[in-house]
Amino acid sequence: DAPEAEFVIDAGQHVRSIAFHHRNDAHRLIEECMIVANVAAARELKRRGVPSLMRVHSVPEERKRTQLLASLRVLGIEPSIPAEPCTRDFAAIARQLKDPESRPFVESLIVRSMAQALYQPQQIGHFGLALDDYAHFTSPIRRYADLIVHRALVRALGVGTDGLTDAEMGELDEIAGHISE
């Protein structure tokens, strides 16, 4: 729940300041609705057996977890992260903080310890969101992955003529690689 940074640029194209914008209840509601739509799309594609692109996020690597723990210990934080962690283990770290001022910094350390999310046809879940099924069906910025998922749903539901073709479904690994890159 960290605030988003926005660079304020002056007329001479120099960074004048950095403003932090906190999400309000309306932003959170829209975000939750988008997540629910993404989960619903992924589940429907899985239920119908139609391949598509999934937005996946794996468990953080052991090396990165070890680095995170070392950094937190320097700050006087002694979290417990099991060998096979779940999302809740990482979320609990920020709740342990006694100084609310340090929360954004600690949250940034936690986020940096995470694996990078990527696209692939195989669903392995989204660790950061603690979801088993997740696809980018809706996005505030239209992404090519969204369009692939839309076209996969058109095919799965039989609601149009512009669904994914057999050839395109055979290229999903390559498409996912390009998009993730």
Protein backbone atom coordinates (compact mmCIF):
# COMPACT_ATOMS: atom_id res chain seq x y z
CA ASP A 1 0.00 0.00 0.00
CA ALA A 2 2.95 2.30 -0.65
CA PRO A 3 2.29 5.73 -2.15
CA GLU A 4 3.16 6.24 -5.81
CA ALA A 5 5.98 8.62 -6.64
CA GLU A 6 5.44 11.19 -9.37
CA PHE A 7 8.27 13.36 -10.67
CA VAL A 8 7.41 17.05 -11.00
CA ILE A 9 9.28 18.40 -14.05
CA ASP A 10 9.83 22.12 -14.64
CA ALA A 11 9.79 23.95 -17.99
CA GLY A 12 13.51 23.28 -18.42
CA GLN A 13 12.89 19.52 -18.17
CA HIS A 14 14.57 19.28 -14.76
CA VAL A 15 13.16 17.37 -11.82
CA ARG A 16 11.76 20.00 -9.49
CA SER A 17 10.45 17.62 -6.85
CA ILE A 18 8.96 14.23 -6.19
CA ALA A 19 5.36 14.12 -5.03
CA PHE A 20 3.85 11.10 -3.36
CA HIS A 21 0.24 10.25 -4.08
CA HIS A 22 -1.66 8.03 -1.69
CA ARG A 23 -4.47 5.91 -3.03
CA ASN A 24 -7.90 6.77 -1.69
CA ASP A 25 -10.90 4.47 -1.17
CA ALA A 26 -12.10 4.99 -4.76
CA HIS A 27 -8.70 3.93 -6.12
CA ARG A 28 -8.71 0.85 -3.89
CA LEU A 29 -12.23 -0.11 -4.97
CA ILE A 30 -11.35 0.17 -8.65
CA GLU A 31 -8.14 -1.80 -8.09
CA GLU A 32 -10.07 -4.57 -6.31
CA CYS A 33 -12.64 -4.73 -9.13
CA MET A 34 -9.83 -5.00 -11.69
CA ILE A 35 -8.19 -7.81 -9.73
CA VAL A 36 -11.50 -9.69 -9.50
CA ALA A 37 -11.98 -9.32 -13.28
CA ASN A 38 -8.43 -10.58 -13.92
CA VAL A 39 -9.02 -13.61 -11.69
CA ALA A 40 -12.39 -14.33 -13.32
CA ALA A 41 -10.85 -14.20 -16.80
CA ALA A 42 -8.01 -16.55 -15.82
CA ARG A 43 -10.38 -19.01 -14.17
CA GLU A 44 -12.77 -19.04 -17.13
CA LEU A 45 -9.95 -19.72 -19.56
CA LYS A 46 -8.66 -22.51 -17.34
CA ARG A 47 -12.17 -23.98 -16.93
CA ARG A 48 -12.64 -24.04 -20.71
CA GLY A 49 -9.13 -25.34 -21.41
CA VAL A 50 -8.22 -22.44 -23.71
CA PRO A 51 -4.56 -21.37 -23.56
CA SER A 52 -3.74 -17.72 -23.08
CA LEU A 53 -1.23 -15.50 -21.31
CA MET A 54 -1.16 -15.47 -17.54
CA ARG A 55 0.45 -12.84 -15.34
CA VAL A 56 2.55 -14.93 -12.97
CA HIS A 57 4.65 -14.07 -9.96
CA SER A 58 6.73 -16.77 -8.34
CA VAL A 59 7.88 -17.18 -4.75
CA PRO A 60 10.92 -14.98 -4.00
CA GLU A 61 14.25 -16.76 -4.46
CA GLU A 62 16.00 -17.97 -1.32
CA ARG A 63 18.97 -15.67 -2.03
CA LYS A 64 16.71 -12.61 -2.12
CA ARG A 65 14.88 -13.70 1.02
CA THR A 66 18.23 -14.05 2.80
CA GLN A 67 19.27 -10.56 1.66
CA LEU A 68 15.94 -9.15 2.84
CA LEU A 69 16.32 -10.74 6.28
CA ALA A 70 19.87 -9.37 6.60
CA SER A 71 18.72 -5.86 5.65
CA LEU A 72 15.83 -6.01 8.10
CA ARG A 73 18.08 -7.21 10.93
CA VAL A 74 20.32 -4.18 10.38
CA LEU A 75 17.19 -2.08 10.97
CA GLY A 76 16.43 -3.99 14.17
CA ILE A 77 13.57 -5.99 12.64
CA GLU A 78 13.59 -9.75 13.28
CA PRO A 79 10.93 -11.25 10.99
CA SER A 80 10.31 -14.95 10.63
CA ILE A 81 10.06 -16.13 7.05
CA PRO A 82 9.74 -19.91 6.66
CA ALA A 83 11.62 -21.93 4.03
CA GLU A 84 8.39 -22.16 2.02
CA PRO A 85 6.92 -18.70 2.53
CA CYS A 86 3.47 -17.45 1.69
CA THR A 87 2.42 -13.91 0.89
CA ARG A 88 1.09 -13.39 4.40
CA ASP A 89 4.63 -13.90 5.82
CA PHE A 90 5.86 -10.85 3.91
CA ALA A 91 2.78 -8.77 4.68
CA ALA A 92 3.32 -9.41 8.40
CA ILE A 93 6.72 -7.70 8.32
CA ALA A 94 5.32 -4.21 7.81
CA ARG A 95 2.74 -4.75 10.55
CA GLN A 96 5.59 -5.42 13.03
CA LEU A 97 7.03 -1.94 12.60
CA LYS A 98 6.81 0.35 15.58
CA ASP A 99 7.81 3.45 13.59
CA PRO A 100 5.22 4.24 10.88
CA GLU A 101 7.73 6.58 9.21
CA SER A 102 9.92 3.59 8.30
CA ARG A 103 7.07 1.65 6.68
CA PRO A 104 7.54 2.94 3.07
CA PHE A 105 11.26 2.12 3.17
CA VAL A 106 10.71 -1.36 4.63
CA GLU A 107 7.92 -2.03 2.12
CA SER A 108 10.30 -1.04 -0.69
CA LEU A 109 12.85 -3.57 0.65
CA ILE A 110 10.16 -6.25 0.67
CA VAL A 111 9.04 -5.44 -2.88
CA ARG A 112 12.66 -5.55 -4.12
CA SER A 113 13.03 -9.03 -2.63
CA MET A 114 10.20 -10.32 -4.80
CA ALA A 115 10.61 -12.02 -8.13
CA GLN A 116 9.64 -9.97 -11.15
CA ALA A 117 6.18 -10.76 -12.46
CA LEU A 118 6.05 -11.95 -16.05
CA TYR A 119 3.76 -13.39 -18.66
CA GLN A 120 3.61 -17.04 -19.63
CA PRO A 121 0.99 -19.50 -20.88
CA GLN A 122 1.42 -21.76 -17.82
CA GLN A 123 -0.45 -20.66 -14.71
CA ILE A 124 1.68 -20.83 -11.55
CA GLY A 125 -0.25 -18.18 -9.63
CA HIS A 126 0.61 -14.71 -8.46
CA PHE A 127 2.58 -14.79 -5.21
CA GLY A 128 2.45 -11.05 -4.57
CA LEU A 129 -1.34 -10.98 -4.75
CA ALA A 130 -1.74 -14.42 -3.11
CA LEU A 131 -3.84 -15.66 -6.04
CA ASP A 132 -3.80 -19.06 -7.74
CA ASP A 133 -5.20 -17.78 -11.06
CA TYR A 134 -4.39 -14.41 -12.57
CA ALA A 135 -4.36 -12.92 -16.05
CA HIS A 136 -4.26 -9.31 -17.25
CA PHE A 137 -7.76 -8.92 -18.59
CA THR A 138 -8.09 -5.30 -17.61
CA SER A 139 -5.43 -2.70 -17.08
CA PRO A 140 -5.36 1.08 -16.62
CA ILE A 141 -2.95 1.11 -19.54
CA ARG A 142 -3.94 -1.17 -22.38
CA ARG A 143 -1.35 -3.89 -22.74
CA TYR A 144 -0.85 -6.39 -25.52
CA ALA A 145 -1.29 -9.18 -22.96
CA ASP A 146 -4.81 -7.86 -22.24
CA LEU A 147 -5.66 -8.13 -25.91
CA ILE A 148 -4.38 -11.71 -26.07
CA VAL A 149 -6.55 -12.60 -23.06
CA HIS A 150 -9.57 -10.85 -24.62
CA ARG A 151 -9.09 -12.78 -27.86
CA ALA A 152 -8.66 -16.05 -25.93
CA LEU A 153 -11.96 -15.36 -24.19
CA VAL A 154 -13.65 -14.59 -27.52
CA ARG A 155 -12.53 -18.02 -28.71
CA ALA A 156 -13.42 -19.76 -25.43
CA LEU A 157 -16.89 -18.25 -25.29
CA GLY A 158 -17.55 -18.40 -29.04
CA VAL A 159 -18.73 -14.80 -29.11
CA GLY A 160 -16.98 -13.51 -32.20
CA THR A 161 -14.72 -14.21 -35.14
CA ASP A 162 -11.58 -12.51 -33.86
CA GLY A 163 -10.58 -15.01 -31.20
CA LEU A 164 -7.07 -16.43 -30.94
CA THR A 165 -6.18 -18.67 -33.84
CA ASP A 166 -4.56 -22.09 -33.48
CA ALA A 167 -1.33 -20.60 -34.85
CA GLU A 168 -1.34 -17.78 -32.29
CA MET A 169 -2.00 -20.22 -29.47
CA GLY A 170 1.06 -22.14 -30.66
CA GLU A 171 3.13 -18.94 -30.34
CA LEU A 172 2.10 -18.01 -26.79
CA ASP A 173 5.50 -18.88 -25.27
CA GLU A 174 7.26 -16.62 -27.75
CA ILE A 175 4.70 -13.81 -27.32
CA ALA A 176 4.99 -14.07 -23.53
CA GLY A 177 8.77 -13.82 -23.77
CA HIS A 178 8.60 -10.65 -25.87
CA ILE A 179 6.02 -9.01 -23.63
CA SER A 180 7.85 -9.91 -20.42
CA GLU A 181 11.11 -8.61 -21.84
